[in-house]
Amino acid sequence: MQTQSSVFDDLAKLMTGAMGMAQGASEEAKGFMRAQADRFVAEMDLVSRDEFEAVKEVAAAARIEADALRVRVEALEAALAARG
């Protein structure tokens, strides 16, 4: 009976080692994939979320200013047309 228990203990140790090795390989694969994805994104020259939001705010302000200037130009054109 002692021999059978020893076999099960050895089998349990082997399985534990295999699971640890599988987890290590999994983490290594995830790290490799993450590094490849980071390299791919860096090569694409993408902008960060902060940079995008900053440009978006500048564009919105420019649109508001352009709309205000359009109204002023239309008013000036109407004033010139009324004079002439």
C-alpha atoms as a PDB file:
ATOM      1  CA  MET A   1       0.000   0.000   0.000  1.00  0.00           C
ATOM      2  CA  GLN A   2       2.928   2.300   0.744  1.00  0.00           C
ATOM      3  CA  THR A   3       4.216   1.783  -2.828  1.00  0.00           C
ATOM      4  CA  GLN A   4       0.870   2.753  -4.335  1.00  0.00           C
ATOM      5  CA  SER A   5       0.750   5.923  -2.241  1.00  0.00           C
ATOM      6  CA  SER A   6       4.270   6.788  -3.321  1.00  0.00           C
ATOM      7  CA  VAL A   7       3.284   6.375  -6.973  1.00  0.00           C
ATOM      8  CA  PHE A   8       0.331   8.711  -6.474  1.00  0.00           C
ATOM      9  CA  ASP A   9       2.576  11.219  -4.679  1.00  0.00           C
ATOM     10  CA  ASP A  10       5.064  11.089  -7.524  1.00  0.00           C
ATOM     11  CA  LEU A  11       2.249  11.451 -10.065  1.00  0.00           C
ATOM     12  CA  ALA A  12       0.838  14.430  -8.139  1.00  0.00           C
ATOM     13  CA  LYS A  13       4.267  16.088  -8.065  1.00  0.00           C
ATOM     14  CA  LEU A  14       4.672  15.462 -11.793  1.00  0.00           C
ATOM     15  CA  MET A  15       1.262  16.971 -12.548  1.00  0.00           C
ATOM     16  CA  THR A  16       1.987  19.971 -10.309  1.00  0.00           C
ATOM     17  CA  GLY A  17       5.268  20.540 -12.112  1.00  0.00           C
ATOM     18  CA  ALA A  18       3.569  20.206 -15.491  1.00  0.00           C
ATOM     19  CA  MET A  19       0.901  22.729 -14.500  1.00  0.00           C
ATOM     20  CA  GLY A  20       3.566  25.157 -13.285  1.00  0.00           C
ATOM     21  CA  MET A  21       5.458  24.765 -16.532  1.00  0.00           C
ATOM     22  CA  ALA A  22       2.251  25.262 -18.551  1.00  0.00           C
ATOM     23  CA  GLN A  23       1.452  28.438 -16.606  1.00  0.00           C
ATOM     24  CA  GLY A  24       4.987  29.694 -17.170  1.00  0.00           C
ATOM     25  CA  ALA A  25       4.699  29.024 -20.888  1.00  0.00           C
ATOM     26  CA  SER A  26       1.335  30.761 -20.938  1.00  0.00           C
ATOM     27  CA  GLU A  27       2.745  33.858 -19.230  1.00  0.00           C
ATOM     28  CA  GLU A  28       5.717  33.859 -21.588  1.00  0.00           C
ATOM     29  CA  ALA A  29       3.396  33.612 -24.609  1.00  0.00           C
ATOM     30  CA  LYS A  30       1.250  36.471 -23.270  1.00  0.00           C
ATOM     31  CA  GLY A  31       4.344  38.582 -22.718  1.00  0.00           C
ATOM     32  CA  PHE A  32       5.571  37.854 -26.231  1.00  0.00           C
ATOM     33  CA  MET A  33       2.194  38.714 -27.758  1.00  0.00           C
ATOM     34  CA  ARG A  34       1.984  41.919 -25.709  1.00  0.00           C
ATOM     35  CA  ALA A  35       5.472  42.931 -26.860  1.00  0.00           C
ATOM     36  CA  GLN A  36       4.576  42.211 -30.481  1.00  0.00           C
ATOM     37  CA  ALA A  37       1.358  44.229 -30.174  1.00  0.00           C
ATOM     38  CA  ASP A  38       3.242  47.147 -28.591  1.00  0.00           C
ATOM     39  CA  ARG A  39       5.831  47.037 -31.380  1.00  0.00           C
ATOM     40  CA  PHE A  40       3.072  46.914 -34.022  1.00  0.00           C
ATOM     41  CA  VAL A  41       1.286  49.913 -32.505  1.00  0.00           C
ATOM     42  CA  ALA A  42       4.555  51.850 -32.224  1.00  0.00           C
ATOM     43  CA  GLU A  43       5.335  51.208 -35.884  1.00  0.00           C
ATOM     44  CA  MET A  44       1.879  52.448 -36.896  1.00  0.00           C
ATOM     45  CA  ASP A  45       2.659  55.844 -35.327  1.00  0.00           C
ATOM     46  CA  LEU A  46      -0.721  56.097 -33.609  1.00  0.00           C
ATOM     47  CA  VAL A  47      -1.609  59.000 -31.336  1.00  0.00           C
ATOM     48  CA  SER A  48      -2.396  58.590 -27.667  1.00  0.00           C
ATOM     49  CA  ARG A  49      -5.864  59.199 -26.260  1.00  0.00           C
ATOM     50  CA  ASP A  50      -4.616  62.398 -24.558  1.00  0.00           C
ATOM     51  CA  GLU A  51      -3.202  63.765 -27.824  1.00  0.00           C
ATOM     52  CA  PHE A  52      -6.436  62.904 -29.646  1.00  0.00           C
ATOM     53  CA  GLU A  53      -8.585  64.613 -27.021  1.00  0.00           C
ATOM     54  CA  ALA A  54      -6.377  67.738 -27.125  1.00  0.00           C
ATOM     55  CA  VAL A  55      -6.667  68.005 -30.906  1.00  0.00           C
ATOM     56  CA  LYS A  56     -10.409  67.358 -30.676  1.00  0.00           C
ATOM     57  CA  GLU A  57     -10.790  70.306 -28.281  1.00  0.00           C
ATOM     58  CA  VAL A  58      -8.742  72.573 -30.556  1.00  0.00           C
ATOM     59  CA  ALA A  59     -10.872  71.549 -33.541  1.00  0.00           C
ATOM     60  CA  ALA A  60     -14.104  72.233 -31.636  1.00  0.00           C
ATOM     61  CA  ALA A  61     -12.857  75.690 -30.626  1.00  0.00           C
ATOM     62  CA  ALA A  62     -11.831  76.410 -34.224  1.00  0.00           C
ATOM     63  CA  ARG A  63     -15.277  75.380 -35.467  1.00  0.00           C
ATOM     64  CA  ILE A  64     -16.987  77.718 -32.968  1.00  0.00           C
ATOM     65  CA  GLU A  65     -14.713  80.574 -34.038  1.00  0.00           C
ATOM     66  CA  ALA A  66     -15.317  79.836 -37.735  1.00  0.00           C
ATOM     67  CA  ASP A  67     -19.091  79.863 -37.181  1.00  0.00           C
ATOM     68  CA  ALA A  68     -18.849  83.210 -35.375  1.00  0.00           C
ATOM     69  CA  LEU A  69     -16.716  84.656 -38.169  1.00  0.00           C
ATOM     70  CA  ARG A  70     -19.193  83.390 -40.780  1.00  0.00           C
ATOM     71  CA  VAL A  71     -21.997  85.261 -39.004  1.00  0.00           C
ATOM     72  CA  ARG A  72     -19.891  88.457 -38.896  1.00  0.00           C
ATOM     73  CA  VAL A  73     -18.991  88.185 -42.599  1.00  0.00           C
ATOM     74  CA  GLU A  74     -22.622  87.654 -43.544  1.00  0.00           C
ATOM     75  CA  ALA A  75     -23.616  90.714 -41.491  1.00  0.00           C
ATOM     76  CA  LEU A  76     -20.876  92.809 -43.129  1.00  0.00           C
ATOM     77  CA  GLU A  77     -21.902  91.618 -46.597  1.00  0.00           C
ATOM     78  CA  ALA A  78     -25.512  92.488 -45.852  1.00  0.00           C
ATOM     79  CA  ALA A  79     -24.465  95.948 -44.620  1.00  0.00           C
ATOM     80  CA  LEU A  80     -22.423  96.505 -47.799  1.00  0.00           C
ATOM     81  CA  ALA A  81     -25.270  95.346 -49.994  1.00  0.00           C
ATOM     82  CA  ALA A  82     -27.668  97.744 -48.226  1.00  0.00           C
ATOM     83  CA  ARG A  83     -25.334 100.675 -48.888  1.00  0.00           C
ATOM     84  CA  GLY A  84     -24.850  99.925 -52.525  1.00  0.00           C
END
